[in-house]
Structure formats: C-alpha cells, structure tokens
Amino acid sequence: MVITDHKKGEARDANVAEAVRRIVLGKRMYDKLESLMKSALLLQCKRKEPFVVILISAAEGYALKSLLVEQKRALDILVEVDAAANCYALMCLDTKVEGGFQFAQRLLRFMKTGFAEEIYMVVADVRSKHHGTSAVLGTLIETYFDAIDAKREGEAILRSFT
C-alpha cells in the first residue's frame, strides 16, 4: 500500500505556481522598462537631471491606472507593466528624490482613502548612470518582491542610485 500526502504536494504546487507567477511578472517588468530606463539613464544623467521611477501595484479591482493617469504630470511616463496584475510604473523625469517621494506618499494616501488593498510600491531615485540599467531594474524588481514577502503593504520603499 502506498500512502501519499496530498497536502504536501498541493503546498509544493502552490509554491511553484507562485514562483512561476513572479518570474513572469518580473520578466514583464524588466521588458517593459528596459529600453525606457536605458534612454533615461543616458539622456537624463548626461544632463545631470535626476529622475524617479515608481513601481506600484494594488489588488485586482482597484482602478490604479485611472488614479495614475489623473495624478501624474503631463510629462511623466506611465507604463502598464501588467494590467491583469494591476501593476504599473511611473517615470518622473527631472524629479529629485524629495519631490518623487512626496508624490509617492500622496499616491498612497489617495489609494488608502479609496480603499485599495494589497498596495506595494517601490520608489527608485536615480541620479547617476553609474549603476546601469540591469542593476537599477534588478534592484527595483527584487525590492518589489521583497516588500510582498515582508508584507510591507501600503508603504513606499525608497532605493537610491547615486
């Protein structure tokens, strides 16, 4: 007689499914932001103009895209990373860390008062091309998933690249 532990197998399957979901979402993040980040690093840093990238998501059903379109400046670049995951990136050119972080905090307040749940946000302050596209995006994506693992819901996590 062979006895199997279905619960153990189900937990493993759930863990593998979550790992696959993260890999796919991480790839989408990287793919959607790579060329934009390369251009921004080249052009903005050459002009010695800092910029901020905000990576943000909320639970399904919250109108995050509408809020971002409404709140962003005309020259900010909105990137739909994955509509199904309700995940977006916002690149704010010619923005110093203080202004970018204040904007991120304001977005959080709007989302919380709008009853958004599962809000995860990483703010990258980029002032130099020293780190390169892969390092900035890798850190941004890694910090995003670390925030989910640490249950740092509803806060803006800042990473600086000087």
N, C-alpha and C. Protein backbone atom coordinates (compact mmCIF):
# COMPACT_ATOMS: atom_id res chain seq x y z
N MET A 1 0.85 -1.17 0.00
CA MET A 1 0.00 0.00 0.00
C MET A 1 0.90 1.24 0.00
N VAL A 2 0.59 2.20 -0.87
CA VAL A 2 1.34 3.44 -0.95
C VAL A 2 0.47 4.56 -0.42
N ILE A 3 1.01 5.30 0.51
CA ILE A 3 0.28 6.44 1.08
C ILE A 3 0.99 7.71 0.64
N THR A 4 0.22 8.60 0.06
CA THR A 4 0.81 9.88 -0.36
C THR A 4 0.19 11.00 0.45
N ASP A 5 0.96 12.02 0.63
CA ASP A 5 0.49 13.21 1.37
C ASP A 5 0.07 14.25 0.35
N HIS A 6 -1.21 14.29 0.05
CA HIS A 6 -1.71 15.24 -0.95
C HIS A 6 -1.50 16.68 -0.52
N LYS A 7 -1.62 16.94 0.76
CA LYS A 7 -1.45 18.31 1.24
C LYS A 7 -0.03 18.80 0.97
N LYS A 8 0.92 17.93 1.18
CA LYS A 8 2.31 18.30 0.92
C LYS A 8 2.51 18.62 -0.57
N GLY A 9 1.96 17.81 -1.44
CA GLY A 9 2.05 18.04 -2.87
C GLY A 9 1.33 19.30 -3.30
N GLU A 10 0.18 19.56 -2.69
CA GLU A 10 -0.58 20.78 -3.01
C GLU A 10 0.20 22.03 -2.61
N ALA A 11 0.84 21.98 -1.46
CA ALA A 11 1.62 23.14 -1.00
C ALA A 11 2.80 23.37 -1.94
N ARG A 12 3.44 22.29 -2.36
CA ARG A 12 4.56 22.42 -3.29
C ARG A 12 4.08 23.03 -4.60
N ASP A 13 2.96 22.52 -5.11
CA ASP A 13 2.40 23.05 -6.36
C ASP A 13 2.09 24.54 -6.23
N ALA A 14 1.53 24.94 -5.10
CA ALA A 14 1.21 26.36 -4.87
C ALA A 14 2.49 27.19 -4.84
N ASN A 15 3.53 26.67 -4.22
CA ASN A 15 4.81 27.39 -4.17
C ASN A 15 5.42 27.53 -5.55
N VAL A 16 5.35 26.47 -6.34
CA VAL A 16 5.89 26.51 -7.70
C VAL A 16 5.07 27.47 -8.55
N ALA A 17 3.76 27.44 -8.41
CA ALA A 17 2.90 28.35 -9.17
C ALA A 17 3.21 29.80 -8.82
N GLU A 18 3.45 30.08 -7.55
CA GLU A 18 3.80 31.45 -7.13
C GLU A 18 5.16 31.85 -7.70
N ALA A 19 6.11 30.94 -7.71
CA ALA A 19 7.43 31.23 -8.28
C ALA A 19 7.31 31.52 -9.77
N VAL A 20 6.50 30.75 -10.47
CA VAL A 20 6.29 30.98 -11.91
C VAL A 20 5.65 32.34 -12.13
N ARG A 21 4.61 32.65 -11.34
CA ARG A 21 3.93 33.95 -11.47
C ARG A 21 4.90 35.10 -11.27
N ARG A 22 5.79 34.98 -10.28
CA ARG A 22 6.77 36.03 -10.02
C ARG A 22 7.79 36.15 -11.14
N ILE A 23 8.24 35.04 -11.65
CA ILE A 23 9.21 35.08 -12.74
C ILE A 23 8.60 35.77 -13.96
N VAL A 24 7.37 35.41 -14.29
CA VAL A 24 6.70 36.01 -15.45
C VAL A 24 6.47 37.50 -15.23
N LEU A 25 5.99 37.88 -14.03
CA LEU A 25 5.77 39.29 -13.75
C LEU A 25 7.09 40.05 -13.73
N GLY A 26 8.12 39.48 -13.15
CA GLY A 26 9.44 40.12 -13.13
C GLY A 26 9.98 40.33 -14.55
N LYS A 27 9.77 39.34 -15.41
CA LYS A 27 10.20 39.48 -16.80
C LYS A 27 9.42 40.60 -17.49
N ARG A 28 8.12 40.66 -17.24
CA ARG A 28 7.32 41.74 -17.84
C ARG A 28 7.82 43.10 -17.35
N MET A 29 8.11 43.19 -16.06
CA MET A 29 8.62 44.45 -15.52
C MET A 29 9.90 44.84 -16.24
N TYR A 30 10.81 43.88 -16.34
CA TYR A 30 12.09 44.15 -16.98
C TYR A 30 11.90 44.54 -18.45
N ASP A 31 11.13 43.75 -19.18
CA ASP A 31 10.91 44.00 -20.60
C ASP A 31 10.26 45.36 -20.86
N LYS A 32 9.26 45.70 -20.06
CA LYS A 32 8.53 46.95 -20.27
C LYS A 32 9.36 48.18 -19.92
N LEU A 33 10.32 48.01 -19.01
CA LEU A 33 11.06 49.18 -18.52
C LEU A 33 12.49 49.28 -19.04
N GLU A 34 13.02 48.23 -19.63
CA GLU A 34 14.44 48.21 -20.00
C GLU A 34 14.83 49.34 -20.96
N SER A 35 14.19 49.45 -22.11
CA SER A 35 14.60 50.47 -23.08
C SER A 35 14.32 51.87 -22.57
N LEU A 36 13.24 52.04 -21.85
CA LEU A 36 12.92 53.33 -21.26
C LEU A 36 13.99 53.73 -20.24
N MET A 37 14.40 52.78 -19.41
CA MET A 37 15.44 53.05 -18.41
C MET A 37 16.78 53.37 -19.07
N LYS A 38 17.13 52.63 -20.12
CA LYS A 38 18.38 52.91 -20.83
C LYS A 38 18.39 54.34 -21.36
N SER A 39 17.29 54.72 -21.99
CA SER A 39 17.19 56.07 -22.55
C SER A 39 17.26 57.13 -21.45
N ALA A 40 16.54 56.91 -20.37
CA ALA A 40 16.53 57.88 -19.27
C ALA A 40 17.91 57.99 -18.64
N LEU A 41 18.57 56.86 -18.43
CA LEU A 41 19.91 56.91 -17.85
C LEU A 41 20.87 57.67 -18.76
N LEU A 42 20.78 57.41 -20.04
CA LEU A 42 21.66 58.08 -20.99
C LEU A 42 21.38 59.58 -21.06
N LEU A 43 20.14 59.94 -21.29
CA LEU A 43 19.80 61.34 -21.54
C LEU A 43 19.69 62.17 -20.26
N GLN A 44 19.02 61.66 -19.26
CA GLN A 44 18.83 62.45 -18.04
C GLN A 44 20.14 62.62 -17.28
N CYS A 45 20.88 61.53 -17.15
CA CYS A 45 22.12 61.61 -16.39
C CYS A 45 23.18 62.43 -17.12
N LYS A 46 23.16 62.41 -18.44
CA LYS A 46 24.08 63.24 -19.22
C LYS A 46 23.82 64.72 -18.93
N ARG A 47 22.54 65.06 -18.77
CA ARG A 47 22.15 66.44 -18.44
C ARG A 47 22.24 66.72 -16.93
N LYS A 48 22.63 65.69 -16.17
CA LYS A 48 22.71 65.78 -14.71
C LYS A 48 21.35 66.12 -14.09
N GLU A 49 20.31 65.52 -14.66
CA GLU A 49 18.94 65.70 -14.17
C GLU A 49 18.48 64.38 -13.55
N PRO A 50 18.18 64.38 -12.27
CA PRO A 50 17.72 63.15 -11.63
C PRO A 50 16.30 62.78 -12.09
N PHE A 51 15.95 61.52 -11.89
CA PHE A 51 14.58 61.10 -12.17
C PHE A 51 14.18 60.03 -11.16
N VAL A 52 12.89 59.81 -11.08
CA VAL A 52 12.33 58.84 -10.14
C VAL A 52 11.48 57.86 -10.92
N VAL A 53 11.58 56.58 -10.54
CA VAL A 53 10.71 55.55 -11.11
C VAL A 53 9.93 54.95 -9.96
N ILE A 54 8.61 54.93 -10.11
CA ILE A 54 7.74 54.36 -9.09
C ILE A 54 7.13 53.10 -9.67
N LEU A 55 7.38 51.98 -9.01
CA LEU A 55 6.78 50.70 -9.39
C LEU A 55 5.67 50.44 -8.38
N ILE A 56 4.45 50.25 -8.85
CA ILE A 56 3.31 50.21 -7.94
C ILE A 56 2.26 49.20 -8.41
N SER A 57 1.64 48.56 -7.44
CA SER A 57 0.54 47.64 -7.74
C SER A 57 -0.48 47.70 -6.62
N ALA A 58 -1.68 47.24 -6.95
CA ALA A 58 -2.76 47.14 -5.97
C ALA A 58 -3.59 45.91 -6.31
N ALA A 59 -4.43 45.52 -5.37
CA ALA A 59 -5.28 44.36 -5.58
C ALA A 59 -6.16 44.55 -6.81
N GLU A 60 -6.49 43.44 -7.43
CA GLU A 60 -7.36 43.45 -8.60
C GLU A 60 -8.68 44.14 -8.24
N GLY A 61 -9.16 44.93 -9.16
CA GLY A 61 -10.43 45.61 -8.94
C GLY A 61 -10.27 47.08 -8.60
N TYR A 62 -9.10 47.47 -8.10
CA TYR A 62 -8.87 48.88 -7.80
C TYR A 62 -8.44 49.59 -9.09
N ALA A 63 -9.00 50.73 -9.37
CA ALA A 63 -8.73 51.47 -10.62
C ALA A 63 -7.42 52.24 -10.52
N LEU A 64 -6.31 51.50 -10.42
CA LEU A 64 -4.99 52.11 -10.25
C LEU A 64 -4.59 52.93 -11.47
N LYS A 65 -4.82 52.40 -12.65
CA LYS A 65 -4.43 53.12 -13.87
C LYS A 65 -5.13 54.48 -13.93
N SER A 66 -6.39 54.52 -13.62
CA SER A 66 -7.14 55.78 -13.64
C SER A 66 -6.56 56.79 -12.66
N LEU A 67 -6.22 56.32 -11.47
CA LEU A 67 -5.62 57.22 -10.48
C LEU A 67 -4.29 57.77 -10.98
N LEU A 68 -3.46 56.91 -11.54
CA LEU A 68 -2.14 57.35 -12.02
C LEU A 68 -2.27 58.34 -13.17
N VAL A 69 -3.19 58.08 -14.09
CA VAL A 69 -3.41 59.00 -15.21
C VAL A 69 -3.87 60.36 -14.69
N GLU A 70 -4.74 60.32 -13.69
CA GLU A 70 -5.28 61.56 -13.11
C GLU A 70 -4.22 62.35 -12.33
N GLN A 71 -3.33 61.66 -11.63
CA GLN A 71 -2.40 62.32 -10.72
C GLN A 71 -1.04 62.66 -11.33
N LYS A 72 -0.66 61.99 -12.39
CA LYS A 72 0.68 62.24 -12.95
C LYS A 72 0.73 63.58 -13.66
N ARG A 73 1.95 64.10 -13.76
CA ARG A 73 2.15 65.32 -14.54
C ARG A 73 2.11 64.97 -16.03
N ALA A 74 1.90 65.97 -16.85
CA ALA A 74 1.80 65.75 -18.29
C ALA A 74 3.06 65.09 -18.85
N LEU A 75 4.22 65.38 -18.30
CA LEU A 75 5.47 64.85 -18.83
C LEU A 75 5.94 63.57 -18.16
N ASP A 76 5.22 63.10 -17.15
CA ASP A 76 5.56 61.82 -16.53
C ASP A 76 5.16 60.70 -17.48
N ILE A 77 5.92 59.61 -17.46
CA ILE A 77 5.69 58.50 -18.38
C ILE A 77 5.06 57.34 -17.60
N LEU A 78 3.85 56.96 -17.99
CA LEU A 78 3.14 55.86 -17.36
C LEU A 78 3.32 54.61 -18.20
N VAL A 79 3.72 53.52 -17.55
CA VAL A 79 3.94 52.25 -18.23
C VAL A 79 3.03 51.20 -17.61
N GLU A 80 2.21 50.58 -18.43
CA GLU A 80 1.38 49.47 -17.96
C GLU A 80 2.25 48.22 -17.99
N VAL A 81 2.67 47.76 -16.82
CA VAL A 81 3.52 46.59 -16.74
C VAL A 81 2.70 45.33 -16.95
N ASP A 82 1.60 45.20 -16.22
CA ASP A 82 0.73 44.03 -16.33
C ASP A 82 -0.64 44.41 -15.81
N ALA A 83 -1.58 44.64 -16.72
CA ALA A 83 -2.92 45.08 -16.33
C ALA A 83 -3.62 44.03 -15.46
N ALA A 84 -3.43 42.76 -15.78
CA ALA A 84 -4.08 41.69 -15.01
C ALA A 84 -3.58 41.67 -13.56
N ALA A 85 -2.30 42.00 -13.36
CA ALA A 85 -1.74 42.06 -12.01
C ALA A 85 -1.91 43.45 -11.39
N ASN A 86 -2.53 44.36 -12.15
CA ASN A 86 -2.75 45.75 -11.70
C ASN A 86 -1.41 46.37 -11.27
N CYS A 87 -0.42 46.23 -12.14
CA CYS A 87 0.94 46.68 -11.85
C CYS A 87 1.38 47.69 -12.92
N TYR A 88 1.89 48.84 -12.43
CA TYR A 88 2.29 49.94 -13.31
C TYR A 88 3.61 50.53 -12.84
N ALA A 89 4.24 51.24 -13.75
CA ALA A 89 5.43 52.01 -13.42
C ALA A 89 5.22 53.44 -13.89
N LEU A 90 5.76 54.35 -13.15
CA LEU A 90 5.65 55.77 -13.49
C LEU A 90 7.05 56.36 -13.43
N MET A 91 7.50 56.92 -14.55
CA MET A 91 8.81 57.56 -14.59
C MET A 91 8.59 59.06 -14.57
N CYS A 92 9.17 59.67 -13.54
CA CYS A 92 9.03 61.12 -13.35
C CYS A 92 10.38 61.77 -13.64
N LEU A 93 10.51 62.36 -14.81
CA LEU A 93 11.76 62.98 -15.23
C LEU A 93 11.97 64.31 -14.52
N ASP A 94 13.21 64.73 -14.46
CA ASP A 94 13.58 65.99 -13.81
C ASP A 94 12.95 66.10 -12.42
N THR A 95 13.05 65.03 -11.66
CA THR A 95 12.44 64.97 -10.34
C THR A 95 13.49 64.53 -9.33
N LYS A 96 13.64 65.33 -8.29
CA LYS A 96 14.56 64.98 -7.21
C LYS A 96 13.87 64.03 -6.26
N VAL A 97 14.66 63.37 -5.44
CA VAL A 97 14.14 62.34 -4.55
C VAL A 97 13.03 62.87 -3.63
N GLU A 98 13.19 64.08 -3.12
CA GLU A 98 12.18 64.61 -2.20
C GLU A 98 10.83 64.75 -2.89
N GLY A 99 10.83 65.33 -4.08
CA GLY A 99 9.58 65.51 -4.82
C GLY A 99 8.97 64.19 -5.24
N GLY A 100 9.80 63.26 -5.69
CA GLY A 100 9.30 61.96 -6.10
C GLY A 100 8.72 61.17 -4.94
N PHE A 101 9.38 61.25 -3.79
CA PHE A 101 8.90 60.51 -2.62
C PHE A 101 7.61 61.14 -2.09
N GLN A 102 7.53 62.46 -2.12
CA GLN A 102 6.28 63.13 -1.69
C GLN A 102 5.13 62.74 -2.62
N PHE A 103 5.40 62.68 -3.91
CA PHE A 103 4.37 62.27 -4.86
C PHE A 103 3.93 60.83 -4.57
N ALA A 104 4.88 59.95 -4.31
CA ALA A 104 4.57 58.56 -3.98
C ALA A 104 3.69 58.49 -2.72
N GLN A 105 4.03 59.27 -1.72
CA GLN A 105 3.24 59.30 -0.48
C GLN A 105 1.82 59.79 -0.76
N ARG A 106 1.70 60.79 -1.62
CA ARG A 106 0.38 61.31 -1.97
C ARG A 106 -0.44 60.23 -2.69
N LEU A 107 0.19 59.49 -3.60
CA LEU A 107 -0.50 58.39 -4.27
C LEU A 107 -1.00 57.36 -3.25
N LEU A 108 -0.16 57.05 -2.29
CA LEU A 108 -0.55 56.09 -1.25
C LEU A 108 -1.77 56.59 -0.48
N ARG A 109 -1.77 57.86 -0.11
CA ARG A 109 -2.92 58.42 0.62
C ARG A 109 -4.19 58.31 -0.21
N PHE A 110 -4.12 58.66 -1.49
CA PHE A 110 -5.29 58.55 -2.36
C PHE A 110 -5.78 57.11 -2.43
N MET A 111 -4.84 56.18 -2.56
CA MET A 111 -5.21 54.78 -2.68
C MET A 111 -5.85 54.26 -1.39
N LYS A 112 -5.28 54.63 -0.26
CA LYS A 112 -5.83 54.16 1.02
C LYS A 112 -7.21 54.74 1.28
N THR A 113 -7.39 56.01 0.97
CA THR A 113 -8.72 56.60 1.16
C THR A 113 -9.72 56.06 0.14
N GLY A 114 -9.22 55.52 -0.96
CA GLY A 114 -10.07 54.88 -1.97
C GLY A 114 -10.24 53.39 -1.72
N PHE A 115 -9.80 52.94 -0.54
CA PHE A 115 -9.96 51.56 -0.09
C PHE A 115 -9.20 50.54 -0.93
N ALA A 116 -8.09 50.95 -1.49
CA ALA A 116 -7.24 50.00 -2.21
C ALA A 116 -6.60 49.04 -1.20
N GLU A 117 -6.41 47.83 -1.62
CA GLU A 117 -5.77 46.82 -0.78
C GLU A 117 -4.56 46.27 -1.52
N GLU A 118 -3.70 45.61 -0.75
CA GLU A 118 -2.51 44.98 -1.30
C GLU A 118 -1.69 45.97 -2.13
N ILE A 119 -1.44 47.13 -1.57
CA ILE A 119 -0.66 48.17 -2.24
C ILE A 119 0.82 47.88 -1.99
N TYR A 120 1.58 47.76 -3.06
CA TYR A 120 3.03 47.61 -2.95
C TYR A 120 3.68 48.63 -3.85
N MET A 121 4.68 49.34 -3.30
CA MET A 121 5.29 50.44 -4.04
C MET A 121 6.78 50.53 -3.74
N VAL A 122 7.55 50.66 -4.81
CA VAL A 122 8.99 50.90 -4.68
C VAL A 122 9.30 52.16 -5.47
N VAL A 123 10.07 53.04 -4.86
CA VAL A 123 10.46 54.31 -5.48
C VAL A 123 11.96 54.28 -5.70
N ALA A 124 12.39 54.40 -6.96
CA ALA A 124 13.82 54.43 -7.29
C ALA A 124 14.21 55.86 -7.61
N ASP A 125 15.15 56.37 -6.86
CA ASP A 125 15.72 57.70 -7.07
C ASP A 125 17.01 57.50 -7.86
N VAL A 126 17.03 57.96 -9.12
CA VAL A 126 18.18 57.73 -9.99
C VAL A 126 18.85 59.06 -10.30
N ARG A 127 20.12 59.15 -9.89
CA ARG A 127 20.87 60.40 -10.11
C ARG A 127 22.14 60.19 -10.92
N SER A 128 22.42 58.94 -11.27
CA SER A 128 23.66 58.65 -11.97
C SER A 128 23.48 57.40 -12.82
N LYS A 129 24.20 57.34 -13.93
CA LYS A 129 24.16 56.13 -14.76
C LYS A 129 25.21 55.13 -14.33
N HIS A 130 25.86 55.40 -13.22
CA HIS A 130 26.93 54.56 -12.69
C HIS A 130 26.49 53.10 -12.52
N HIS A 131 25.26 52.87 -12.07
CA HIS A 131 24.80 51.51 -11.77
C HIS A 131 24.33 50.74 -13.00
N GLY A 132 23.87 51.41 -14.02
CA GLY A 132 23.43 50.75 -15.24
C GLY A 132 22.00 50.24 -15.16
N THR A 133 21.46 49.99 -16.33
CA THR A 133 20.06 49.57 -16.46
C THR A 133 19.74 48.30 -15.70
N SER A 134 20.55 47.27 -15.88
CA SER A 134 20.27 45.98 -15.24
C SER A 134 20.29 46.08 -13.73
N ALA A 135 21.24 46.82 -13.19
CA ALA A 135 21.34 46.95 -11.73
C ALA A 135 20.14 47.70 -11.16
N VAL A 136 19.75 48.79 -11.82
CA VAL A 136 18.62 49.58 -11.33
C VAL A 136 17.33 48.76 -11.41
N LEU A 137 17.07 48.18 -12.57
CA LEU A 137 15.85 47.39 -12.73
C LEU A 137 15.86 46.15 -11.84
N GLY A 138 16.99 45.49 -11.76
CA GLY A 138 17.09 44.31 -10.90
C GLY A 138 16.78 44.64 -9.45
N THR A 139 17.34 45.73 -8.96
CA THR A 139 17.09 46.14 -7.58
C THR A 139 15.64 46.55 -7.39
N LEU A 140 15.09 47.27 -8.34
CA LEU A 140 13.70 47.70 -8.28
C LEU A 140 12.76 46.49 -8.19
N ILE A 141 12.97 45.52 -9.05
CA ILE A 141 12.12 44.33 -9.09
C ILE A 141 12.32 43.48 -7.83
N GLU A 142 13.56 43.28 -7.44
CA GLU A 142 13.85 42.50 -6.24
C GLU A 142 13.23 43.14 -5.00
N THR A 143 13.34 44.46 -4.89
CA THR A 143 12.78 45.17 -3.74
C THR A 143 11.26 45.05 -3.73
N TYR A 144 10.64 45.08 -4.90
CA TYR A 144 9.19 44.93 -5.00
C TYR A 144 8.76 43.57 -4.44
N PHE A 145 9.39 42.51 -4.87
CA PHE A 145 9.02 41.17 -4.39
C PHE A 145 9.41 40.97 -2.92
N ASP A 146 10.51 41.57 -2.49
CA ASP A 146 10.88 41.52 -1.07
C ASP A 146 9.82 42.20 -0.21
N ALA A 147 9.26 43.30 -0.71
CA ALA A 147 8.21 44.01 0.03
C ALA A 147 6.98 43.12 0.19
N ILE A 148 6.64 42.38 -0.85
CA ILE A 148 5.50 41.46 -0.77
C ILE A 148 5.79 40.38 0.27
N ASP A 149 6.99 39.80 0.21
CA ASP A 149 7.36 38.75 1.16
C ASP A 149 7.35 39.25 2.61
N ALA A 150 7.79 40.49 2.80
CA ALA A 150 7.85 41.07 4.14
C ALA A 150 6.52 41.69 4.56
N LYS A 151 5.52 41.59 3.69
CA LYS A 151 4.19 42.16 3.96
C LYS A 151 4.26 43.66 4.27
N ARG A 152 5.06 44.36 3.49
CA ARG A 152 5.21 45.82 3.66
C ARG A 152 4.18 46.53 2.79
N GLU A 153 2.95 46.14 3.01
CA GLU A 153 1.82 46.68 2.25
C GLU A 153 1.54 48.12 2.67
N GLY A 154 1.26 48.96 1.69
CA GLY A 154 0.84 50.32 1.98
C GLY A 154 1.96 51.27 2.37
N GLU A 155 3.19 50.95 1.99
CA GLU A 155 4.29 51.89 2.24
C GLU A 155 5.14 52.04 0.99
N ALA A 156 5.78 53.18 0.89
CA ALA A 156 6.68 53.45 -0.23
C ALA A 156 8.09 53.12 0.22
N ILE A 157 8.74 52.23 -0.49
CA ILE A 157 10.10 51.81 -0.15
C ILE A 157 11.04 52.51 -1.12
N LEU A 158 11.98 53.24 -0.58
CA LEU A 158 12.89 54.05 -1.39
C LEU A 158 14.23 53.34 -1.60
N ARG A 159 14.70 53.37 -2.84
CA ARG A 159 16.04 52.90 -3.20
C ARG A 159 16.70 54.02 -4.01
N SER A 160 17.92 54.35 -3.64
CA SER A 160 18.64 55.44 -4.31
C SER A 160 19.81 54.90 -5.11
N PHE A 161 19.99 55.48 -6.29
CA PHE A 161 21.10 55.13 -7.17
C PHE A 161 21.84 56.42 -7.48
N THR A 162 22.93 56.64 -6.76
CA THR A 162 23.70 57.88 -6.91
C THR A 162 25.03 57.63 -7.56
